[in-house]
Amino acid sequence: MADADITGKPAFAPGSVWLVGAGPGDPGLLTLHAVWALEQADVVVHDALVDARILAMIGPRATVEHAGKRGGKASPKQDEITARLIELARAGQRVLRLKGGDPFLFGRGAEEALALAEAGIPFRVVPGITAGIGGLAYAGIPATAKTANSAITFVTGHDQTGSVPDAVDWEGLGRGSQVIVVYMPMRNLQGIVARLLSAGRSPDEPAAIVSRACAEDQGVLVTTLGSCVADAERDGVTPPALFVLGEVVRLREKLDWWGGKG
C-alpha cells in the first residue's frame, strides 16, 4: 500500500481494496482509518450487520452495494463477493469492503485477502473492535478480570453447514477455558449447551446472551448454562447475538454502565 499523505492519513489508491472492520455497532467505536475510508471510497461493499448509522457516514459520491449473508435468506455466496471485489478493483475503483466487527475474526476477511493477493490486487486491512470484546464491554461484562479468569476463548456457534462445529474440541474447551464466548450461537444454542454440560460445566454457571451488541436497542439476558435455552426462548432472543459463559458475568451487576438498557 502507498505511504500516508502529509496529514498522516494513508492513501486510498484507485484499484485497491480496504478490508475494514466496522466494529459491533456504535459509530463512535470506528477507527480513524475506517472513517477515512468511508469518506474516500468509490464503492462500498458491506455486510448485513453493519449499523445503519455507519452506512450513513459513507461519502456522497460512493456507490453502495449490499453483500450481507444472513442465515435462511437468499444472499450472495462468498466466492461471488470476492469476485466482485476483484472486478471493481480492476476497474480502477477505490473499494471499501466493510465488515461488521473485525475482518479477521469470524469475518472471512482472510479468505477475501488471500484471493486479492492471488489476483495481484493491493489491499489494506483495518482492524475493528470485535463483538466479543466491544459487545461484552457494553453489556458491563469484562472479557477478563483478575478475580475471575486468566483465559478466554472465542468460538463460532456454527460451521459452514450451519451445524455445531465438530472441529471444536468441546470437551477440551469445556474443561480448559474459564470464559467462553460463542459468536452466532442462537441456531445451535441447545447443542452447544449440551456439549458444555457433557464436558463438566455446571448448569448453575453464570451465562449471558447479548443481542444487537452496542446498538441503541442492545439487549442483555443474564441466565445460567442450564437455563439459557429456555430463558432465551421465553424472552424471544433473536440474532445477532453473543453467548458468554463464566464468572465474569457476575460482574455485570456492578459494571452495567450502559444504564440498565436491555
Protein backbone atom coordinates (compact mmCIF):
# COMPACT_ATOMS: atom_id res chain seq x y z
CA MET A 1 0.00 0.00 0.00
CA ALA A 2 1.05 3.61 -0.57
CA ASP A 3 2.51 5.70 2.21
CA ALA A 4 0.45 8.15 4.25
CA ASP A 5 -0.07 11.67 2.94
CA ILE A 6 1.09 14.84 4.69
CA THR A 7 -1.86 14.65 7.11
CA GLY A 8 -0.89 11.15 8.23
CA LYS A 9 -3.89 9.58 6.51
CA PRO A 10 -2.95 6.55 4.39
CA ALA A 11 -3.54 6.92 0.68
CA PHE A 12 -6.57 5.02 -0.61
CA ALA A 13 -5.28 4.31 -4.09
CA PRO A 14 -7.51 3.62 -7.11
CA GLY A 15 -7.53 -0.08 -7.90
CA SER A 16 -7.09 -1.15 -4.29
CA VAL A 17 -9.34 -2.76 -1.69
CA TRP A 18 -9.55 -1.93 2.00
CA LEU A 19 -10.96 -4.62 4.28
CA VAL A 20 -12.37 -2.52 7.11
CA GLY A 21 -13.87 -3.57 10.42
CA ALA A 22 -16.98 -1.53 11.25
CA GLY A 23 -16.98 -2.70 14.87
CA PRO A 24 -20.00 -4.08 16.70
CA GLY A 25 -22.43 -1.21 16.09
CA ASP A 26 -21.76 2.10 17.79
CA PRO A 27 -20.24 4.50 15.20
CA GLY A 28 -18.07 6.00 17.94
CA LEU A 29 -16.07 2.76 18.01
CA LEU A 30 -14.82 3.17 14.43
CA THR A 31 -11.11 3.72 13.95
CA LEU A 32 -9.84 6.88 12.26
CA HIS A 33 -8.68 4.78 9.31
CA ALA A 34 -12.21 3.38 8.97
CA VAL A 35 -13.74 6.88 8.93
CA TRP A 36 -11.18 7.99 6.34
CA ALA A 37 -12.03 5.00 4.15
CA LEU A 38 -15.77 5.76 4.38
CA GLU A 39 -15.08 9.28 3.14
CA GLN A 40 -12.74 8.31 0.30
CA ALA A 41 -14.18 5.11 -1.17
CA ASP A 42 -15.64 4.96 -4.67
CA VAL A 43 -17.55 1.75 -3.90
CA VAL A 44 -18.60 0.32 -0.52
CA VAL A 45 -19.44 -3.39 -0.36
CA HIS A 46 -20.93 -4.00 3.07
CA ASP A 47 -22.17 -6.85 5.24
CA ALA A 48 -25.67 -7.20 6.66
CA LEU A 49 -24.64 -6.46 10.24
CA VAL A 50 -23.09 -3.03 9.63
CA ASP A 51 -25.07 -0.47 11.63
CA ALA A 52 -27.23 1.95 9.60
CA ARG A 53 -25.61 4.90 11.38
CA ILE A 54 -22.24 3.82 9.99
CA LEU A 55 -23.62 3.40 6.48
CA ALA A 56 -24.90 6.99 6.74
CA MET A 57 -21.25 8.11 7.03
CA ILE A 58 -20.38 6.88 3.54
CA GLY A 59 -19.23 9.70 1.26
CA PRO A 60 -21.87 11.13 -1.12
CA ARG A 61 -20.05 10.10 -4.29
CA ALA A 62 -19.72 6.43 -3.37
CA THR A 63 -21.75 3.59 -4.82
CA VAL A 64 -23.07 1.27 -2.11
CA GLU A 65 -23.51 -2.47 -2.63
CA HIS A 66 -25.11 -4.79 -0.08
CA ALA A 67 -23.37 -8.15 0.21
CA GLY A 68 -24.73 -9.39 3.50
CA LYS A 69 -25.17 -13.09 4.20
CA ARG A 70 -27.99 -13.98 6.60
CA GLY A 71 -28.98 -17.50 7.59
CA GLY A 72 -32.14 -18.78 5.89
CA LYS A 73 -32.30 -15.88 3.44
CA ALA A 74 -31.19 -15.51 -0.16
CA SER A 75 -27.77 -13.87 -0.14
CA PRO A 76 -24.57 -13.67 -2.20
CA LYS A 77 -22.12 -16.56 -1.97
CA GLN A 78 -18.65 -15.83 -0.63
CA ASP A 79 -16.92 -16.52 -3.95
CA GLU A 80 -19.32 -14.12 -5.68
CA ILE A 81 -18.47 -11.36 -3.19
CA THR A 82 -14.75 -11.93 -3.60
CA ALA A 83 -15.02 -11.93 -7.39
CA ARG A 84 -16.91 -8.64 -7.22
CA LEU A 85 -14.17 -7.02 -5.12
CA ILE A 86 -11.57 -8.06 -7.70
CA GLU A 87 -13.74 -6.84 -10.58
CA LEU A 88 -14.26 -3.43 -9.01
CA ALA A 89 -10.58 -3.00 -8.15
CA ARG A 90 -9.53 -3.93 -11.69
CA ALA A 91 -11.90 -1.24 -12.93
CA GLY A 92 -9.80 1.31 -11.02
CA GLN A 93 -12.21 1.83 -8.12
CA ARG A 94 -11.28 2.53 -4.50
CA VAL A 95 -13.11 -0.42 -2.97
CA LEU A 96 -14.13 -0.48 0.68
CA ARG A 97 -15.14 -3.92 1.92
CA LEU A 98 -16.99 -3.00 5.12
CA LYS A 99 -17.46 -5.84 7.58
CA GLY A 100 -19.11 -5.99 10.98
CA GLY A 101 -16.74 -6.38 13.92
CA ASP A 102 -13.21 -7.25 12.84
CA PRO A 103 -12.45 -8.60 9.35
CA PHE A 104 -10.09 -11.29 10.63
CA LEU A 105 -12.23 -12.66 13.49
CA PHE A 106 -15.07 -14.83 12.14
CA GLY A 107 -15.41 -12.27 9.34
CA ARG A 108 -13.98 -14.32 6.45
CA GLY A 109 -11.63 -11.43 5.79
CA ALA A 110 -8.69 -13.81 5.47
CA GLU A 111 -10.37 -15.61 2.57
CA GLU A 112 -11.01 -12.33 0.78
CA ALA A 113 -7.49 -11.04 1.44
CA LEU A 114 -5.92 -14.27 0.13
CA ALA A 115 -7.99 -14.03 -3.05
CA LEU A 116 -6.97 -10.39 -3.51
CA ALA A 117 -3.31 -11.31 -3.01
CA GLU A 118 -3.54 -14.13 -5.55
CA ALA A 119 -5.20 -11.74 -8.03
CA GLY A 120 -2.45 -9.15 -7.53
CA ILE A 121 -4.85 -6.59 -6.05
CA PRO A 122 -3.25 -4.27 -3.44
CA PHE A 123 -5.17 -4.23 -0.17
CA ARG A 124 -5.10 -2.90 3.37
CA VAL A 125 -6.68 -4.44 6.48
CA VAL A 126 -8.21 -2.03 9.00
CA PRO A 127 -8.99 -3.90 12.22
CA GLY A 128 -12.25 -3.25 14.04
CA ILE A 129 -13.47 -3.87 17.57
CA THR A 130 -14.90 -7.37 17.60
CA ALA A 131 -18.29 -8.01 19.19
CA GLY A 132 -16.76 -10.44 21.67
CA ILE A 133 -14.85 -7.53 23.22
CA GLY A 134 -16.99 -4.47 22.50
CA GLY A 135 -20.32 -6.21 22.97
CA LEU A 136 -19.32 -7.60 26.34
CA ALA A 137 -17.98 -4.21 27.46
CA TYR A 138 -21.27 -2.51 26.53
CA ALA A 139 -23.09 -5.22 28.47
CA GLY A 140 -20.98 -4.49 31.57
CA ILE A 141 -19.23 -7.85 31.30
CA PRO A 142 -15.41 -7.72 31.20
CA ALA A 143 -13.65 -10.21 28.96
CA THR A 144 -11.12 -10.77 31.73
CA ALA A 145 -10.99 -9.89 35.41
CA LYS A 146 -8.25 -10.75 37.87
CA THR A 147 -10.72 -12.31 40.28
CA ALA A 148 -12.50 -14.38 37.62
CA ASN A 149 -10.28 -15.67 34.81
CA SER A 150 -6.88 -15.81 33.20
CA ALA A 151 -8.10 -17.30 29.91
CA ILE A 152 -10.88 -16.62 27.43
CA THR A 153 -11.86 -18.50 24.28
CA PHE A 154 -13.77 -17.21 21.25
CA VAL A 155 -15.61 -19.83 19.23
CA THR A 156 -18.12 -19.79 16.40
CA GLY A 157 -21.55 -21.27 17.02
CA HIS A 158 -21.84 -22.91 13.60
CA ASP A 159 -19.69 -24.26 10.81
CA GLN A 160 -20.13 -23.81 7.05
CA THR A 161 -23.02 -26.30 7.07
CA GLY A 162 -24.84 -24.39 9.82
CA SER A 163 -24.28 -27.14 12.40
CA VAL A 164 -22.41 -27.05 15.71
CA PRO A 165 -18.77 -27.14 14.58
CA ASP A 166 -17.37 -30.65 15.02
CA ALA A 167 -13.85 -29.32 14.54
CA VAL A 168 -14.06 -27.72 18.01
CA ASP A 169 -12.89 -29.91 20.88
CA TRP A 170 -15.88 -29.12 23.06
CA GLU A 171 -14.71 -31.48 25.78
CA GLY A 172 -11.31 -29.79 25.99
CA LEU A 173 -12.86 -26.34 25.65
CA GLY A 174 -15.29 -27.01 28.47
CA ARG A 175 -12.54 -28.23 30.77
CA GLY A 176 -9.85 -25.75 29.84
CA SER A 177 -11.32 -22.26 29.31
CA GLN A 178 -12.64 -20.24 32.23
CA VAL A 179 -14.63 -17.90 29.99
CA ILE A 180 -16.16 -18.94 26.67
CA VAL A 181 -17.66 -16.50 24.17
CA VAL A 182 -19.70 -18.01 21.34
CA TYR A 183 -20.39 -15.96 18.24
CA MET A 184 -23.64 -16.60 16.33
CA PRO A 185 -24.93 -19.11 18.89
CA MET A 186 -28.70 -18.95 18.60
CA ARG A 187 -29.37 -21.57 15.91
CA ASN A 188 -27.38 -24.20 17.80
CA LEU A 189 -27.62 -22.97 21.38
CA GLN A 190 -29.20 -26.17 22.67
CA GLY A 191 -26.48 -28.33 21.11
CA ILE A 192 -23.72 -26.05 22.37
CA VAL A 193 -25.11 -26.14 25.90
CA ALA A 194 -25.37 -29.93 25.78
CA ARG A 195 -21.72 -30.24 24.78
CA LEU A 196 -20.53 -27.89 27.53
CA LEU A 197 -22.60 -29.70 30.16
CA SER A 198 -21.19 -33.01 28.93
CA ALA A 199 -17.69 -31.54 29.35
CA GLY A 200 -18.43 -30.97 33.04
CA ARG A 201 -19.56 -27.34 33.20
CA SER A 202 -22.07 -26.71 35.95
CA PRO A 203 -25.67 -25.97 34.92
CA ASP A 204 -25.59 -23.21 37.56
CA GLU A 205 -22.62 -21.42 35.96
CA PRO A 206 -23.50 -17.80 35.12
CA ALA A 207 -24.11 -17.03 31.47
CA ALA A 208 -25.42 -14.16 29.39
CA ILE A 209 -26.75 -13.59 25.90
CA VAL A 210 -26.00 -10.17 24.42
CA SER A 211 -28.20 -9.35 21.44
CA ARG A 212 -27.66 -6.45 18.99
CA ALA A 213 -24.43 -5.61 20.82
CA CYS A 214 -23.52 -1.91 21.01
CA ALA A 215 -26.67 -0.86 19.17
CA GLU A 216 -29.19 1.53 20.68
CA ASP A 217 -31.57 -1.38 21.29
CA GLN A 218 -28.96 -3.73 22.76
CA GLY A 219 -30.42 -6.47 24.96
CA VAL A 220 -28.73 -8.47 27.71
CA LEU A 221 -30.19 -11.66 29.16
CA VAL A 222 -28.43 -12.83 32.32
CA THR A 223 -29.05 -16.50 32.92
CA THR A 224 -27.24 -19.77 33.65
CA LEU A 225 -25.85 -22.51 31.44
CA GLY A 226 -28.65 -24.85 32.39
CA SER A 227 -31.45 -22.31 31.91
CA CYS A 228 -30.27 -20.23 28.96
CA VAL A 229 -32.10 -22.11 26.22
CA ALA A 230 -35.47 -21.84 27.95
CA ASP A 231 -34.83 -18.26 29.05
CA ALA A 232 -33.84 -17.18 25.52
CA GLU A 233 -36.98 -18.79 24.09
CA ARG A 234 -39.15 -17.15 26.77
CA ASP A 235 -37.67 -13.71 26.07
CA GLY A 236 -37.73 -14.12 22.28
CA VAL A 237 -33.99 -13.52 21.86
CA THR A 238 -33.03 -13.41 18.18
CA PRO A 239 -29.77 -12.95 16.25
CA PRO A 240 -27.41 -11.22 16.06
CA ALA A 241 -26.27 -12.34 19.48
CA LEU A 242 -23.32 -13.47 21.59
CA PHE A 243 -23.29 -16.11 24.30
CA VAL A 244 -20.83 -15.73 27.18
CA LEU A 245 -20.21 -18.29 29.90
CA GLY A 246 -18.12 -17.76 33.03
CA GLU A 247 -17.72 -15.97 36.33
CA VAL A 248 -17.18 -12.62 34.61
CA VAL A 249 -20.95 -12.48 34.02
CA ARG A 250 -21.49 -11.91 37.76
CA LEU A 251 -19.64 -8.60 37.49
CA ARG A 252 -22.38 -7.10 35.32
CA GLU A 253 -24.40 -6.36 38.46
CA LYS A 254 -21.91 -3.61 39.35
CA LEU A 255 -20.46 -2.80 35.93
CA ASP A 256 -23.61 -2.12 33.92
CA TRP A 257 -22.53 1.40 32.89
CA TRP A 258 -24.98 1.31 29.95
CA GLY A 259 -27.60 2.41 32.46
CA GLY A 260 -29.75 -0.68 32.65
CA LYS A 261 -30.65 -0.68 28.94
CA GLY A 262 -31.72 -4.11 27.89
